Amino acid sequence: MENEHVFKGCIPAIMTPCNSKGEPDFDALVRKAKQLMEAGMQSVVYCGSMGDWPLLSDEQRMEGVSSLTNAGIPVIVGTGAQNTLKSSIHSRHALENGAIGLMIIPRVLSRGSSLAAQKNHFESILEAGKGLPSVIYNSPYYGFETKADLFFNLRENYPQLIGFKEFGGADALSYAAENITETEEDLALVVGVDTQVFHGIVNCGAIGVITGIGNVIPEAVIRLYKLCLEASNGSAKSRRLALELNDALKVLSTFDEGSDLVLYYKYLLYLKGEHEYKFNFYESDKLSESQTTFAKKQFKLFNEWWIAWNK
């Protein structure tokens, strides 16, 4: 399938490091992306997906994309933006600057519940992208759910729409598999939340995972992905091991579902010694003392378990 090389595998939604003044550090961004690629990640998603994208200007986001592509990093550009025009500009910039794909975010803030407005929004982004392989990102947080009828209506004119990324829970992933991605062989389901990797791959046939916790512990997420693929092909041993690893990751993965996901994952990277992630764009954006204590204990618990289990 054409989409395998773009959306198959583990793909971190990479976060933007910044200095104490809240200024993006694009050199550190590139270093982190290279580190993740060396660990075995397929590509990276940047930037209209993780929770810090509204804190960057459109120019900063495009500079981040260019910095990554110029460094040879395969980049899937997230199109989340204030309005359709800005989303389309990001799509065109992605095309012109060597991105390998688009992750298309629905229209937010204005007429988000309007089916007609969403259809026009998606078409504008796909038109600006001029053939870049694309997935639609579905999430309950957007207040709009892309269903099968709209997806295939768009695909009639834009065959580059080759997948569906689902952030919702198990039921939403099951719907996407049953009604969208299993309809045509060339379509791909991508798991969009770390808590649903096992269900998405084993039970729904997903071929890719866009991950948050994978920024922090890429080896564990890649191992889970591979075990789930083996389990989906009938391996009882891999199914047992995947469930064990999935359970051990549960708390760290659940951070991906909440509004503080970037704060948690930057803090865990800082604990690992990656001091580029010490700061957030707003000084007031920080975990509470109890949250940091909890995260630190859970990270230590997982790492100790992982060392023993991975032997």
Protein backbone atom coordinates (compact mmCIF):
# COMPACT_ATOMS: atom_id res chain seq x y z
CA MET A 1 0.00 0.00 0.00
CA GLU A 2 1.23 3.49 -0.83
CA ASN A 3 0.33 4.73 2.65
CA GLU A 4 2.46 2.20 4.49
CA HIS A 5 5.68 4.17 4.16
CA VAL A 6 3.99 7.34 5.43
CA PHE A 7 1.69 6.28 8.25
CA LYS A 8 2.85 2.79 9.14
CA GLY A 9 4.90 2.51 12.32
CA CYS A 10 5.42 4.58 15.45
CA ILE A 11 5.24 8.33 14.90
CA PRO A 12 5.76 10.72 17.83
CA ALA A 13 3.85 13.99 17.92
CA ILE A 14 6.99 15.90 18.74
CA MET A 15 6.95 18.77 21.24
CA THR A 16 8.71 22.10 20.83
CA PRO A 17 11.47 22.84 23.36
CA CYS A 18 11.86 26.45 24.43
CA ASN A 19 14.12 28.63 26.58
CA SER A 20 13.27 30.40 29.81
CA LYS A 21 11.75 33.30 27.84
CA GLY A 22 9.33 31.00 26.03
CA GLU A 23 11.20 31.23 22.73
CA PRO A 24 11.27 28.05 20.59
CA ASP A 25 14.60 26.23 20.32
CA PHE A 26 14.51 24.76 16.83
CA ASP A 27 18.05 23.36 17.05
CA ALA A 28 16.96 21.32 20.08
CA LEU A 29 13.82 20.29 18.19
CA VAL A 30 15.95 18.85 15.38
CA ARG A 31 18.26 17.07 17.85
CA LYS A 32 15.25 15.46 19.53
CA ALA A 33 13.78 14.37 16.22
CA LYS A 34 17.07 12.77 15.20
CA GLN A 35 17.24 10.99 18.54
CA LEU A 36 13.74 9.59 18.02
CA MET A 37 14.56 8.45 14.49
CA GLU A 38 17.70 6.71 15.73
CA ALA A 39 15.54 4.92 18.33
CA GLY A 40 13.44 3.48 15.50
CA MET A 41 10.58 5.93 14.97
CA GLN A 42 9.16 6.14 11.45
CA SER A 43 8.75 9.92 11.23
CA VAL A 44 7.47 12.79 13.38
CA VAL A 45 4.27 14.82 13.47
CA TYR A 46 4.76 18.58 13.85
CA CYS A 47 3.11 20.78 15.07
CA GLY A 48 -0.68 21.21 14.88
CA SER A 49 -1.50 18.31 17.15
CA MET A 50 0.19 18.40 20.55
CA GLY A 51 -1.23 20.82 23.07
CA ASP A 52 1.38 23.56 22.71
CA TRP A 53 0.71 24.43 19.06
CA PRO A 54 -1.68 27.35 19.81
CA LEU A 55 1.13 28.96 21.81
CA LEU A 56 3.33 29.28 18.72
CA SER A 57 2.85 31.77 15.92
CA ASP A 58 2.16 30.41 12.45
CA GLU A 59 5.60 31.65 11.38
CA GLN A 60 7.27 29.79 14.24
CA ARG A 61 5.46 26.59 13.38
CA MET A 62 6.50 26.83 9.75
CA GLU A 63 10.08 27.51 10.83
CA GLY A 64 9.92 24.32 12.90
CA VAL A 65 8.69 22.33 9.89
CA SER A 66 11.45 23.75 7.69
CA SER A 67 14.11 23.08 10.32
CA LEU A 68 13.07 19.44 10.49
CA THR A 69 12.76 18.83 6.77
CA ASN A 70 16.06 20.62 6.06
CA ALA A 71 17.68 18.23 8.53
CA GLY A 72 16.31 15.24 6.62
CA ILE A 73 13.62 14.32 9.15
CA PRO A 74 10.44 12.81 7.63
CA VAL A 75 7.70 15.18 8.80
CA ILE A 76 3.93 14.85 8.82
CA VAL A 77 2.47 18.32 9.30
CA GLY A 78 -0.48 18.82 11.60
CA THR A 79 -2.85 21.47 10.26
CA GLY A 80 -4.50 22.62 13.49
CA ALA A 81 -4.95 26.37 13.30
CA GLN A 82 -7.23 29.28 14.18
CA ASN A 83 -9.16 29.09 10.92
CA THR A 84 -9.34 27.39 7.54
CA LEU A 85 -7.14 29.95 5.79
CA LYS A 86 -4.31 29.44 8.26
CA SER A 87 -4.71 25.65 8.11
CA SER A 88 -4.45 25.77 4.33
CA ILE A 89 -1.32 27.93 4.52
CA HIS A 90 0.29 25.28 6.73
CA SER A 91 -0.76 22.62 4.23
CA ARG A 92 0.78 24.52 1.32
CA HIS A 93 3.94 25.20 3.30
CA ALA A 94 4.21 21.49 4.07
CA LEU A 95 3.99 20.66 0.38
CA GLU A 96 6.54 23.28 -0.64
CA ASN A 97 9.03 22.38 2.08
CA GLY A 98 9.35 18.64 1.71
CA ALA A 99 6.91 17.21 4.25
CA ILE A 100 5.82 13.63 3.60
CA GLY A 101 2.21 13.93 4.71
CA LEU A 102 -0.58 15.85 6.43
CA MET A 103 -2.57 15.18 9.57
CA ILE A 104 -5.71 17.23 9.00
CA ILE A 105 -7.43 18.73 12.02
CA PRO A 106 -11.14 19.69 11.77
CA ARG A 107 -12.27 23.29 11.86
CA VAL A 108 -12.26 24.60 15.41
CA LEU A 109 -13.47 27.77 17.21
CA SER A 110 -15.91 28.75 14.42
CA ARG A 111 -18.83 26.69 13.01
CA GLY A 112 -17.20 23.54 14.28
CA SER A 113 -20.50 21.66 14.44
CA SER A 114 -21.46 22.49 10.85
CA LEU A 115 -21.05 19.57 8.45
CA ALA A 116 -20.92 21.91 5.45
CA ALA A 117 -18.26 24.11 7.07
CA GLN A 118 -16.14 21.08 7.95
CA LYS A 119 -16.41 19.70 4.42
CA ASN A 120 -15.23 23.02 2.96
CA HIS A 121 -12.46 23.17 5.56
CA PHE A 122 -11.11 19.72 4.71
CA GLU A 123 -11.34 20.41 0.97
CA SER A 124 -9.38 23.65 1.30
CA ILE A 125 -6.55 21.90 3.17
CA LEU A 126 -6.45 18.94 0.78
CA GLU A 127 -6.44 21.30 -2.22
CA ALA A 128 -3.57 23.32 -0.77
CA GLY A 129 -1.64 20.11 -0.08
CA LYS A 130 -1.84 19.04 -3.74
CA GLY A 131 -1.56 15.31 -3.30
CA LEU A 132 0.32 14.94 0.02
CA PRO A 133 -0.78 11.68 1.70
CA SER A 134 -3.23 12.67 4.40
CA VAL A 135 -5.16 11.38 7.37
CA ILE A 136 -8.07 13.09 9.11
CA TYR A 137 -7.60 13.43 12.86
CA ASN A 138 -10.78 12.62 14.78
CA SER A 139 -11.03 13.68 18.41
CA PRO A 140 -13.89 14.30 20.85
CA TYR A 141 -12.05 17.46 21.94
CA TYR A 142 -12.80 19.11 18.60
CA GLY A 143 -16.55 18.93 19.06
CA PHE A 144 -16.96 17.35 15.63
CA GLU A 145 -16.76 13.72 14.55
CA THR A 146 -15.88 12.87 10.98
CA LYS A 147 -18.07 9.96 9.95
CA ALA A 148 -17.81 7.59 7.02
CA ASP A 149 -20.11 9.53 4.69
CA LEU A 150 -18.05 12.73 4.88
CA PHE A 151 -14.75 10.83 4.67
CA PHE A 152 -15.67 9.04 1.45
CA ASN A 153 -17.29 12.14 -0.01
CA LEU A 154 -13.92 13.89 0.38
CA ARG A 155 -11.98 10.91 -0.92
CA GLU A 156 -13.89 10.97 -4.22
CA ASN A 157 -12.07 14.15 -5.23
CA TYR A 158 -8.96 13.79 -3.06
CA PRO A 159 -7.57 10.26 -3.28
CA GLN A 160 -4.55 11.40 -1.25
CA LEU A 161 -6.87 11.09 1.77
CA ILE A 162 -5.63 7.62 2.67
CA GLY A 163 -6.29 7.22 6.36
CA PHE A 164 -8.03 8.09 9.55
CA LYS A 165 -6.40 8.93 12.88
CA GLU A 166 -8.69 8.25 15.82
CA PHE A 167 -8.08 9.86 19.21
CA GLY A 168 -11.31 8.62 20.75
CA GLY A 169 -11.68 5.49 22.82
CA ALA A 170 -12.21 1.86 21.90
CA ASP A 171 -15.70 2.36 20.46
CA ALA A 172 -14.53 5.17 18.19
CA LEU A 173 -11.64 3.06 16.90
CA SER A 174 -14.00 0.16 16.26
CA TYR A 175 -16.34 2.44 14.31
CA ALA A 176 -13.47 3.77 12.20
CA ALA A 177 -12.29 0.25 11.39
CA GLU A 178 -15.74 -1.13 10.62
CA ASN A 179 -17.00 1.80 8.57
CA ILE A 180 -13.98 3.56 7.09
CA THR A 181 -10.57 1.93 6.94
CA GLU A 182 -11.63 -1.67 6.29
CA THR A 183 -13.78 -0.51 3.39
CA GLU A 184 -10.84 -0.18 1.01
CA GLU A 185 -7.51 -2.01 1.07
CA ASP A 186 -5.53 1.17 0.53
CA LEU A 187 -6.90 2.94 3.61
CA ALA A 188 -5.00 3.03 6.90
CA LEU A 189 -6.21 3.34 10.47
CA VAL A 190 -3.84 5.19 12.80
CA VAL A 191 -4.17 5.03 16.58
CA GLY A 192 -4.13 8.55 17.97
CA VAL A 193 -4.00 7.99 21.73
CA ASP A 194 -1.49 5.95 23.72
CA THR A 195 -4.08 4.11 25.82
CA GLN A 196 -5.60 2.39 22.78
CA VAL A 197 -2.55 0.93 21.01
CA PHE A 198 -3.42 -2.71 21.74
CA HIS A 199 -7.09 -2.39 20.83
CA GLY A 200 -6.36 -0.31 17.76
CA ILE A 201 -3.79 -2.65 16.27
CA VAL A 202 -4.98 -6.07 17.42
CA ASN A 203 -8.74 -5.59 17.25
CA CYS A 204 -9.09 -2.85 14.62
CA GLY A 205 -6.24 -3.48 12.20
CA ALA A 206 -4.42 -0.18 12.71
CA ILE A 207 -1.03 0.05 10.99
CA GLY A 208 0.31 3.14 12.75
CA VAL A 209 0.51 4.84 16.12
CA ILE A 210 0.88 8.59 16.67
CA THR A 211 2.25 8.76 20.19
CA GLY A 212 2.87 11.23 22.97
CA ILE A 213 4.66 9.03 25.52
CA GLY A 214 6.84 7.81 22.66
CA ASN A 215 8.73 11.11 22.96
CA VAL A 216 9.91 9.94 26.37
CA ILE A 217 10.29 6.16 26.13
CA PRO A 218 10.47 5.38 22.40
CA GLU A 219 11.94 1.91 22.88
CA ALA A 220 8.97 0.74 24.97
CA VAL A 221 6.39 2.16 22.58
CA ILE A 222 8.10 0.62 19.56
CA ARG A 223 8.27 -2.72 21.37
CA LEU A 224 4.55 -2.52 22.17
CA TYR A 225 3.77 -1.69 18.55
CA LYS A 226 5.74 -4.68 17.24
CA LEU A 227 4.24 -7.06 19.79
CA CYS A 228 0.74 -5.90 18.86
CA LEU A 229 1.46 -6.50 15.17
CA GLU A 230 2.65 -10.02 15.97
CA ALA A 231 -0.42 -10.58 18.15
CA SER A 232 -2.66 -9.44 15.32
CA ASN A 233 -1.07 -12.15 13.20
CA GLY A 234 -1.98 -14.83 15.74
CA SER A 235 1.02 -15.02 18.09
CA ALA A 236 -0.27 -16.03 21.53
CA LYS A 237 3.06 -15.25 23.19
CA SER A 238 3.21 -11.76 21.66
CA ARG A 239 -0.39 -11.14 22.72
CA ARG A 240 0.46 -11.98 26.33
CA LEU A 241 3.60 -9.83 26.29
CA ALA A 242 1.77 -6.95 24.60
CA LEU A 243 -0.93 -6.99 27.27
CA GLU A 244 1.70 -6.99 30.01
CA LEU A 245 3.52 -4.03 28.49
CA ASN A 246 0.29 -2.22 27.71
CA ASP A 247 -0.77 -2.58 31.36
CA ALA A 248 2.59 -1.39 32.67
CA LEU A 249 2.38 1.69 30.45
CA LYS A 250 -1.18 2.52 31.49
CA VAL A 251 -0.52 5.47 33.80
CA LEU A 252 2.10 7.12 31.59
CA SER A 253 -0.06 6.54 28.52
CA THR A 254 -3.11 8.03 30.21
CA PHE A 255 -1.32 11.38 30.45
CA ASP A 256 -1.85 11.50 26.67
CA GLU A 257 -5.61 11.82 27.20
CA GLY A 258 -5.55 14.93 29.37
CA SER A 259 -5.06 18.65 28.91
CA ASP A 260 -1.70 18.56 30.73
CA LEU A 261 -0.11 16.02 28.38
CA VAL A 262 2.64 18.39 27.17
CA LEU A 263 3.46 19.43 30.73
CA TYR A 264 3.75 15.80 31.80
CA TYR A 265 5.86 14.65 28.88
CA LYS A 266 8.20 17.65 29.02
CA TYR A 267 8.65 17.01 32.74
CA LEU A 268 9.46 13.33 32.16
CA LEU A 269 12.00 14.29 29.50
CA TYR A 270 13.55 16.70 31.99
CA LEU A 271 13.79 13.84 34.51
CA LYS A 272 15.67 11.89 31.85
CA GLY A 273 18.22 14.67 31.65
CA GLU A 274 16.91 16.42 28.54
CA HIS A 275 17.09 19.90 30.01
CA GLU A 276 15.90 21.53 26.78
CA TYR A 277 12.43 20.58 28.01
CA LYS A 278 12.67 22.27 31.39
CA PHE A 279 10.55 25.25 30.35
CA ASN A 280 7.07 25.76 28.94
CA PHE A 281 5.95 28.60 26.69
CA TYR A 282 3.96 30.19 29.51
CA GLU A 283 5.69 30.31 32.88
CA SER A 284 2.33 29.73 34.54
CA ASP A 285 1.89 26.44 32.66
CA LYS A 286 3.28 23.94 35.15
CA LEU A 287 2.28 20.81 36.97
CA SER A 288 1.26 21.04 40.59
CA GLU A 289 3.58 19.67 43.25
CA SER A 290 1.39 16.60 43.67
CA GLN A 291 1.32 16.01 39.90
CA THR A 292 5.11 16.12 39.65
CA THR A 293 5.48 13.77 42.62
CA PHE A 294 2.98 11.37 41.09
CA ALA A 295 4.60 11.48 37.65
CA LYS A 296 8.08 10.98 39.07
CA LYS A 297 7.01 7.93 41.09
CA GLN A 298 5.15 6.38 38.17
CA PHE A 299 8.07 6.98 35.81
CA LYS A 300 10.46 5.35 38.27
CA LEU A 301 8.07 2.42 38.74
CA PHE A 302 7.79 1.83 35.00
CA ASN A 303 11.53 2.13 34.36
CA GLU A 304 12.36 -0.39 37.07
CA TRP A 305 9.74 -2.78 35.73
CA TRP A 306 10.94 -2.28 32.14
CA ILE A 307 14.55 -3.15 32.99
CA ALA A 308 13.47 -6.40 34.60
CA TRP A 309 10.82 -7.30 32.04
CA ASN A 310 12.88 -6.42 28.98
CA LYS A 311 15.55 -8.97 29.89
